[in-house]
Amino acid sequence: MHAARALKEGAERNDLLERVASEPGIGLSRETIESMSDPGQYTGRAAQQVDEFLTEVVGPALSGAESAQDQDSELRV
């Protein structure tokens, strides 16, 4: 809350990670906290699932789009 307040009051940068790292009870370095703050580590299989969906569903639907235009069909995603 202090870091957010500082930003609202005109601080030039967000110093949240420094504040957390300086807390004795936390016991983690800034570098460790930064590595834990990488959102890419918490997306699970999302990227792979998107690739699979594009390959297995969207690709075939698009490749048949020309012939589907002549038919009464609908693609639901």
PDB file of N, CA and C in Angstrom:
ATOM      1  N   MET A   1       0.824  -1.183   0.000  1.00  0.00           N
ATOM      2  CA  MET A   1       0.000   0.000   0.000  1.00  0.00           C
ATOM      3  C   MET A   1       0.874   1.253   0.000  1.00  0.00           C
ATOM      4  N   HIS A   2       2.008   1.173   0.683  1.00  0.00           N
ATOM      5  CA  HIS A   2       2.897   2.336   0.719  1.00  0.00           C
ATOM      6  C   HIS A   2       3.480   2.632  -0.668  1.00  0.00           C
ATOM      7  N   ALA A   3       3.829   1.593  -1.399  1.00  0.00           N
ATOM      8  CA  ALA A   3       4.373   1.788  -2.744  1.00  0.00           C
ATOM      9  C   ALA A   3       3.307   2.391  -3.660  1.00  0.00           C
ATOM     10  N   ALA A   4       2.073   1.921  -3.554  1.00  0.00           N
ATOM     11  CA  ALA A   4       0.992   2.471  -4.376  1.00  0.00           C
ATOM     12  C   ALA A   4       0.735   3.928  -4.013  1.00  0.00           C
ATOM     13  N   ARG A   5       0.758   4.218  -2.726  1.00  0.00           N
ATOM     14  CA  ARG A   5       0.541   5.594  -2.292  1.00  0.00           C
ATOM     15  C   ARG A   5       1.644   6.505  -2.821  1.00  0.00           C
ATOM     16  N   ALA A   6       2.883   6.025  -2.762  1.00  0.00           N
ATOM     17  CA  ALA A   6       4.006   6.824  -3.257  1.00  0.00           C
ATOM     18  C   ALA A   6       3.830   7.136  -4.742  1.00  0.00           C
ATOM     19  N   LEU A   7       3.380   6.164  -5.521  1.00  0.00           N
ATOM     20  CA  LEU A   7       3.149   6.391  -6.943  1.00  0.00           C
ATOM     21  C   LEU A   7       2.043   7.419  -7.163  1.00  0.00           C
ATOM     22  N   LYS A   8       0.979   7.304  -6.392  1.00  0.00           N
ATOM     23  CA  LYS A   8      -0.120   8.262  -6.520  1.00  0.00           C
ATOM     24  C   LYS A   8       0.305   9.672  -6.150  1.00  0.00           C
ATOM     25  N   GLU A   9       1.307   9.753  -5.273  1.00  0.00           N
ATOM     26  CA  GLU A   9       1.784  11.062  -4.834  1.00  0.00           C
ATOM     27  C   GLU A   9       2.924  11.583  -5.696  1.00  0.00           C
ATOM     28  N   GLY A  10       3.231  10.885  -6.794  1.00  0.00           N
ATOM     29  CA  GLY A  10       4.201  11.408  -7.742  1.00  0.00           C
ATOM     30  C   GLY A  10       5.556  10.735  -7.771  1.00  0.00           C
ATOM     31  N   ALA A  11       5.724   9.612  -7.105  1.00  0.00           N
ATOM     32  CA  ALA A  11       7.007   8.907  -7.168  1.00  0.00           C
ATOM     33  C   ALA A  11       7.328   8.578  -8.623  1.00  0.00           C
ATOM     34  N   GLU A  12       8.602   8.629  -8.974  1.00  0.00           N
ATOM     35  CA  GLU A  12       9.012   8.394 -10.357  1.00  0.00           C
ATOM     36  C   GLU A  12       8.957   6.929 -10.766  1.00  0.00           C
ATOM     37  N   ARG A  13       9.058   6.028  -9.798  1.00  0.00           N
ATOM     38  CA  ARG A  13       9.030   4.604 -10.132  1.00  0.00           C
ATOM     39  C   ARG A  13       8.414   3.804  -8.997  1.00  0.00           C
ATOM     40  N   ASN A  14       8.024   2.593  -9.312  1.00  0.00           N
ATOM     41  CA  ASN A  14       7.432   1.687  -8.340  1.00  0.00           C
ATOM     42  C   ASN A  14       8.561   0.950  -7.601  1.00  0.00           C
ATOM     43  N   ASP A  15       8.642   1.148  -6.296  1.00  0.00           N
ATOM     44  CA  ASP A  15       9.702   0.508  -5.516  1.00  0.00           C
ATOM     45  C   ASP A  15       9.182  -0.643  -4.660  1.00  0.00           C
ATOM     46  N   LEU A  16       8.088  -1.255  -5.089  1.00  0.00           N
ATOM     47  CA  LEU A  16       7.484  -2.328  -4.310  1.00  0.00           C
ATOM     48  C   LEU A  16       8.461  -3.466  -4.031  1.00  0.00           C
ATOM     49  N   LEU A  17       9.183  -3.906  -5.055  1.00  0.00           N
ATOM     50  CA  LEU A  17      10.083  -5.040  -4.849  1.00  0.00           C
ATOM     51  C   LEU A  17      11.197  -4.718  -3.856  1.00  0.00           C
ATOM     52  N   GLU A  18      11.711  -3.494  -3.900  1.00  0.00           N
ATOM     53  CA  GLU A  18      12.730  -3.102  -2.924  1.00  0.00           C
ATOM     54  C   GLU A  18      12.144  -3.111  -1.513  1.00  0.00           C
ATOM     55  N   ARG A  19      10.928  -2.626  -1.386  1.00  0.00           N
ATOM     56  CA  ARG A  19      10.273  -2.600  -0.078  1.00  0.00           C
ATOM     57  C   ARG A  19      10.083  -4.011   0.472  1.00  0.00           C
ATOM     58  N   VAL A  20       9.626  -4.906  -0.386  1.00  0.00           N
ATOM     59  CA  VAL A  20       9.417  -6.290   0.056  1.00  0.00           C
ATOM     60  C   VAL A  20      10.754  -6.934   0.428  1.00  0.00           C
ATOM     61  N   ALA A  21      11.771  -6.734  -0.406  1.00  0.00           N
ATOM     62  CA  ALA A  21      13.084  -7.338  -0.148  1.00  0.00           C
ATOM     63  C   ALA A  21      13.719  -6.803   1.128  1.00  0.00           C
ATOM     64  N   SER A  22      13.388  -5.582   1.502  1.00  0.00           N
ATOM     65  CA  SER A  22      13.992  -5.002   2.701  1.00  0.00           C
ATOM     66  C   SER A  22      13.307  -5.445   3.994  1.00  0.00           C
ATOM     67  N   GLU A  23      12.194  -6.143   3.879  1.00  0.00           N
ATOM     68  CA  GLU A  23      11.505  -6.632   5.079  1.00  0.00           C
ATOM     69  C   GLU A  23      12.247  -7.843   5.641  1.00  0.00           C
ATOM     70  N   PRO A  24      12.718  -7.774   6.883  1.00  0.00           N
ATOM     71  CA  PRO A  24      13.482  -8.888   7.459  1.00  0.00           C
ATOM     72  C   PRO A  24      12.692 -10.199   7.521  1.00  0.00           C
ATOM     73  N   GLY A  25      11.416 -10.124   7.729  1.00  0.00           N
ATOM     74  CA  GLY A  25      10.609 -11.333   7.835  1.00  0.00           C
ATOM     75  C   GLY A  25      10.412 -12.065   6.528  1.00  0.00           C
ATOM     76  N   ILE A  26      10.637 -11.394   5.416  1.00  0.00           N
ATOM     77  CA  ILE A  26      10.472 -12.015   4.106  1.00  0.00           C
ATOM     78  C   ILE A  26      11.660 -12.920   3.797  1.00  0.00           C
ATOM     79  N   GLY A  27      12.859 -12.421   3.982  1.00  0.00           N
ATOM     80  CA  GLY A  27      14.053 -13.239   3.801  1.00  0.00           C
ATOM     81  C   GLY A  27      14.374 -13.605   2.365  1.00  0.00           C
ATOM     82  N   LEU A  28      13.967 -12.769   1.418  1.00  0.00           N
ATOM     83  CA  LEU A  28      14.269 -13.028   0.012  1.00  0.00           C
ATOM     84  C   LEU A  28      14.965 -11.818  -0.588  1.00  0.00           C
ATOM     85  N   SER A  29      15.864 -12.086  -1.524  1.00  0.00           N
ATOM     86  CA  SER A  29      16.546 -10.990  -2.207  1.00  0.00           C
ATOM     87  C   SER A  29      15.631 -10.400  -3.278  1.00  0.00           C
ATOM     88  N   ARG A  30      15.985  -9.220  -3.731  1.00  0.00           N
ATOM     89  CA  ARG A  30      15.211  -8.593  -4.811  1.00  0.00           C
ATOM     90  C   ARG A  30      15.231  -9.466  -6.055  1.00  0.00           C
ATOM     91  N   GLU A  31      16.387 -10.059  -6.358  1.00  0.00           N
ATOM     92  CA  GLU A  31      16.514 -10.907  -7.537  1.00  0.00           C
ATOM     93  C   GLU A  31      15.571 -12.111  -7.443  1.00  0.00           C
ATOM     94  N   THR A  32      15.485 -12.712  -6.274  1.00  0.00           N
ATOM     95  CA  THR A  32      14.595 -13.855  -6.088  1.00  0.00           C
ATOM     96  C   THR A  32      13.146 -13.425  -6.247  1.00  0.00           C
ATOM     97  N   ILE A  33      12.816 -12.285  -5.657  1.00  0.00           N
ATOM     98  CA  ILE A  33      11.448 -11.775  -5.769  1.00  0.00           C
ATOM     99  C   ILE A  33      11.118 -11.449  -7.218  1.00  0.00           C
ATOM    100  N   GLU A  34      12.056 -10.863  -7.934  1.00  0.00           N
ATOM    101  CA  GLU A  34      11.839 -10.559  -9.361  1.00  0.00           C
ATOM    102  C   GLU A  34      11.571 -11.831 -10.155  1.00  0.00           C
ATOM    103  N   SER A  35      12.366 -12.860  -9.904  1.00  0.00           N
ATOM    104  CA  SER A  35      12.177 -14.102 -10.657  1.00  0.00           C
ATOM    105  C   SER A  35      10.829 -14.738 -10.326  1.00  0.00           C
ATOM    106  N   MET A  36      10.366 -14.559  -9.105  1.00  0.00           N
ATOM    107  CA  MET A  36       9.062 -15.092  -8.720  1.00  0.00           C
ATOM    108  C   MET A  36       7.920 -14.247  -9.281  1.00  0.00           C
ATOM    109  N   SER A  37       8.223 -13.034  -9.705  1.00  0.00           N
ATOM    110  CA  SER A  37       7.204 -12.116 -10.210  1.00  0.00           C
ATOM    111  C   SER A  37       7.007 -12.216 -11.710  1.00  0.00           C
ATOM    112  N   ASP A  38       7.696 -13.116 -12.362  1.00  0.00           N
ATOM    113  CA  ASP A  38       7.577 -13.270 -13.810  1.00  0.00           C
ATOM    114  C   ASP A  38       6.256 -13.962 -14.140  1.00  0.00           C
ATOM    115  N   PRO A  39       5.297 -13.241 -14.741  1.00  0.00           N
ATOM    116  CA  PRO A  39       3.988 -13.846 -15.015  1.00  0.00           C
ATOM    117  C   PRO A  39       4.056 -15.029 -15.967  1.00  0.00           C
ATOM    118  N   GLY A  40       5.095 -15.100 -16.781  1.00  0.00           N
ATOM    119  CA  GLY A  40       5.248 -16.209 -17.703  1.00  0.00           C
ATOM    120  C   GLY A  40       5.381 -17.550 -17.003  1.00  0.00           C
ATOM    121  N   GLN A  41       5.769 -17.527 -15.749  1.00  0.00           N
ATOM    122  CA  GLN A  41       5.919 -18.761 -14.986  1.00  0.00           C
ATOM    123  C   GLN A  41       4.579 -19.320 -14.523  1.00  0.00           C
ATOM    124  N   TYR A  42       3.524 -18.556 -14.653  1.00  0.00           N
ATOM    125  CA  TYR A  42       2.246 -18.949 -14.078  1.00  0.00           C
ATOM    126  C   TYR A  42       1.135 -19.110 -15.117  1.00  0.00           C
ATOM    127  N   THR A  43       1.519 -19.328 -16.364  1.00  0.00           N
ATOM    128  CA  THR A  43       0.508 -19.483 -17.406  1.00  0.00           C
ATOM    129  C   THR A  43       0.254 -20.938 -17.765  1.00  0.00           C
ATOM    130  N   GLY A  44       0.995 -21.830 -17.151  1.00  0.00           N
ATOM    131  CA  GLY A  44       0.763 -23.250 -17.393  1.00  0.00           C
ATOM    132  C   GLY A  44       0.886 -23.612 -18.862  1.00  0.00           C
ATOM    133  N   ARG A  45      -0.093 -24.352 -19.347  1.00  0.00           N
ATOM    134  CA  ARG A  45      -0.090 -24.828 -20.731  1.00  0.00           C
ATOM    135  C   ARG A  45      -0.799 -23.879 -21.689  1.00  0.00           C
ATOM    136  N   ALA A  46      -1.091 -22.669 -21.263  1.00  0.00           N
ATOM    137  CA  ALA A  46      -1.890 -21.750 -22.081  1.00  0.00           C
ATOM    138  C   ALA A  46      -1.318 -21.566 -23.484  1.00  0.00           C
ATOM    139  N   ALA A  47      -0.041 -21.289 -23.599  1.00  0.00           N
ATOM    140  CA  ALA A  47       0.563 -21.066 -24.922  1.00  0.00           C
ATOM    141  C   ALA A  47       0.454 -22.316 -25.788  1.00  0.00           C
ATOM    142  N   GLN A  48       0.716 -23.473 -25.210  1.00  0.00           N
ATOM    143  CA  GLN A  48       0.623 -24.726 -25.957  1.00  0.00           C
ATOM    144  C   GLN A  48      -0.827 -24.996 -26.371  1.00  0.00           C
ATOM    145  N   GLN A  49      -1.781 -24.701 -25.481  1.00  0.00           N
ATOM    146  CA  GLN A  49      -3.185 -24.920 -25.811  1.00  0.00           C
ATOM    147  C   GLN A  49      -3.643 -24.009 -26.942  1.00  0.00           C
ATOM    148  N   VAL A  50      -3.167 -22.782 -26.955  1.00  0.00           N
ATOM    149  CA  VAL A  50      -3.513 -21.871 -28.049  1.00  0.00           C
ATOM    150  C   VAL A  50      -2.963 -22.405 -29.362  1.00  0.00           C
ATOM    151  N   ASP A  51      -1.708 -22.836 -29.351  1.00  0.00           N
ATOM    152  CA  ASP A  51      -1.115 -23.401 -30.575  1.00  0.00           C
ATOM    153  C   ASP A  51      -1.900 -24.615 -31.061  1.00  0.00           C
ATOM    154  N   GLU A  52      -2.282 -25.495 -30.136  1.00  0.00           N
ATOM    155  CA  GLU A  52      -3.046 -26.685 -30.501  1.00  0.00           C
ATOM    156  C   GLU A  52      -4.401 -26.296 -31.095  1.00  0.00           C
ATOM    157  N   PHE A  53      -5.070 -25.339 -30.498  1.00  0.00           N
ATOM    158  CA  PHE A  53      -6.374 -24.893 -30.989  1.00  0.00           C
ATOM    159  C   PHE A  53      -6.256 -24.302 -32.385  1.00  0.00           C
ATOM    160  N   LEU A  54      -5.224 -23.473 -32.578  1.00  0.00           N
ATOM    161  CA  LEU A  54      -5.029 -22.881 -33.898  1.00  0.00           C
ATOM    162  C   LEU A  54      -4.763 -23.947 -34.947  1.00  0.00           C
ATOM    163  N   THR A  55      -3.965 -24.937 -34.601  1.00  0.00           N
ATOM    164  CA  THR A  55      -3.611 -25.997 -35.538  1.00  0.00           C
ATOM    165  C   THR A  55      -4.780 -26.945 -35.797  1.00  0.00           C
ATOM    166  N   GLU A  56      -5.461 -27.353 -34.733  1.00  0.00           N
ATOM    167  CA  GLU A  56      -6.479 -28.396 -34.857  1.00  0.00           C
ATOM    168  C   GLU A  56      -7.866 -27.872 -35.235  1.00  0.00           C
ATOM    169  N   VAL A  57      -8.186 -26.639 -34.869  1.00  0.00           N
ATOM    170  CA  VAL A  57      -9.543 -26.130 -35.100  1.00  0.00           C
ATOM    171  C   VAL A  57      -9.568 -24.994 -36.120  1.00  0.00           C
ATOM    172  N   VAL A  58      -8.795 -23.960 -35.849  1.00  0.00           N
ATOM    173  CA  VAL A  58      -8.859 -22.781 -36.705  1.00  0.00           C
ATOM    174  C   VAL A  58      -8.253 -23.058 -38.080  1.00  0.00           C
ATOM    175  N   GLY A  59      -7.098 -23.700 -38.109  1.00  0.00           N
ATOM    176  CA  GLY A  59      -6.458 -24.002 -39.396  1.00  0.00           C
ATOM    177  C   GLY A  59      -7.365 -24.756 -40.341  1.00  0.00           C
ATOM    178  N   PRO A  60      -7.909 -25.891 -39.913  1.00  0.00           N
ATOM    179  CA  PRO A  60      -8.817 -26.627 -40.804  1.00  0.00           C
ATOM    180  C   PRO A  60     -10.055 -25.819 -41.199  1.00  0.00           C
ATOM    181  N   ALA A  61     -10.582 -25.028 -40.282  1.00  0.00           N
ATOM    182  CA  ALA A  61     -11.763 -24.219 -40.597  1.00  0.00           C
ATOM    183  C   ALA A  61     -11.438 -23.177 -41.654  1.00  0.00           C
ATOM    184  N   LEU A  62     -10.259 -22.579 -41.542  1.00  0.00           N
ATOM    185  CA  LEU A  62      -9.868 -21.570 -42.523  1.00  0.00           C
ATOM    186  C   LEU A  62      -9.538 -22.180 -43.870  1.00  0.00           C
ATOM    187  N   SER A  63      -8.937 -23.352 -43.873  1.00  0.00           N
ATOM    188  CA  SER A  63      -8.590 -23.978 -45.146  1.00  0.00           C
ATOM    189  C   SER A  63      -9.840 -24.400 -45.908  1.00  0.00           C
ATOM    190  N   GLY A  64     -10.913 -24.648 -45.207  1.00  0.00           N
ATOM    191  CA  GLY A  64     -12.162 -25.004 -45.860  1.00  0.00           C
ATOM    192  C   GLY A  64     -13.095 -23.824 -46.006  1.00  0.00           C
ATOM    193  N   ALA A  65     -12.611 -22.622 -45.710  1.00  0.00           N
ATOM    194  CA  ALA A  65     -13.469 -21.433 -45.734  1.00  0.00           C
ATOM    195  C   ALA A  65     -14.005 -21.128 -47.115  1.00  0.00           C
ATOM    196  N   GLU A  66     -13.205 -21.355 -48.154  1.00  0.00           N
ATOM    197  CA  GLU A  66     -13.661 -21.058 -49.508  1.00  0.00           C
ATOM    198  C   GLU A  66     -14.840 -21.929 -49.891  1.00  0.00           C
ATOM    199  N   SER A  67     -14.755 -23.214 -49.582  1.00  0.00           N
ATOM    200  CA  SER A  67     -15.867 -24.100 -49.933  1.00  0.00           C
ATOM    201  C   SER A  67     -17.042 -23.886 -48.982  1.00  0.00           C
ATOM    202  N   ALA A  68     -16.769 -23.452 -47.773  1.00  0.00           N
ATOM    203  CA  ALA A  68     -17.836 -23.222 -46.803  1.00  0.00           C
ATOM    204  C   ALA A  68     -18.658 -21.998 -47.158  1.00  0.00           C
ATOM    205  N   GLN A  69     -18.080 -21.082 -47.912  1.00  0.00           N
ATOM    206  CA  GLN A  69     -18.823 -19.887 -48.304  1.00  0.00           C
ATOM    207  C   GLN A  69     -20.003 -20.253 -49.192  1.00  0.00           C
ATOM    208  N   ASP A  70     -19.881 -21.337 -49.922  1.00  0.00           N
ATOM    209  CA  ASP A  70     -20.958 -21.775 -50.792  1.00  0.00           C
ATOM    210  C   ASP A  70     -22.033 -22.538 -50.025  1.00  0.00           C
ATOM    211  N   GLN A  71     -21.718 -22.954 -48.798  1.00  0.00           N
ATOM    212  CA  GLN A  71     -22.648 -23.734 -47.992  1.00  0.00           C
ATOM    213  C   GLN A  71     -23.228 -22.862 -46.890  1.00  0.00           C
ATOM    214  N   ASP A  72     -24.232 -23.404 -46.247  1.00  0.00           N
ATOM    215  CA  ASP A  72     -24.855 -22.701 -45.127  1.00  0.00           C
ATOM    216  C   ASP A  72     -24.254 -23.236 -43.843  1.00  0.00           C
ATOM    217  N   SER A  73     -22.997 -22.828 -43.500  1.00  0.00           N
ATOM    218  CA  SER A  73     -22.328 -23.338 -42.324  1.00  0.00           C
ATOM    219  C   SER A  73     -21.854 -22.192 -41.450  1.00  0.00           C
ATOM    220  N   GLU A  74     -21.588 -22.531 -40.214  1.00  0.00           N
ATOM    221  CA  GLU A  74     -21.194 -21.516 -39.240  1.00  0.00           C
ATOM    222  C   GLU A  74     -20.077 -22.079 -38.372  1.00  0.00           C
ATOM    223  N   LEU A  75     -19.046 -21.271 -38.137  1.00  0.00           N
ATOM    224  CA  LEU A  75     -17.943 -21.656 -37.256  1.00  0.00           C
ATOM    225  C   LEU A  75     -18.144 -20.977 -35.911  1.00  0.00           C
ATOM    226  N   ARG A  76     -18.229 -21.766 -34.872  1.00  0.00           N
ATOM    227  CA  ARG A  76     -18.370 -21.207 -33.534  1.00  0.00           C
ATOM    228  C   ARG A  76     -17.096 -21.481 -32.755  1.00  0.00           C
ATOM    229  N   VAL A  77     -16.541 -20.429 -32.193  1.00  0.00           N
ATOM    230  CA  VAL A  77     -15.298 -20.541 -31.440  1.00  0.00           C
ATOM    231  C   VAL A  77     -15.564 -20.173 -30.003  1.00  0.00           C
TER     232      VAL A  77
END
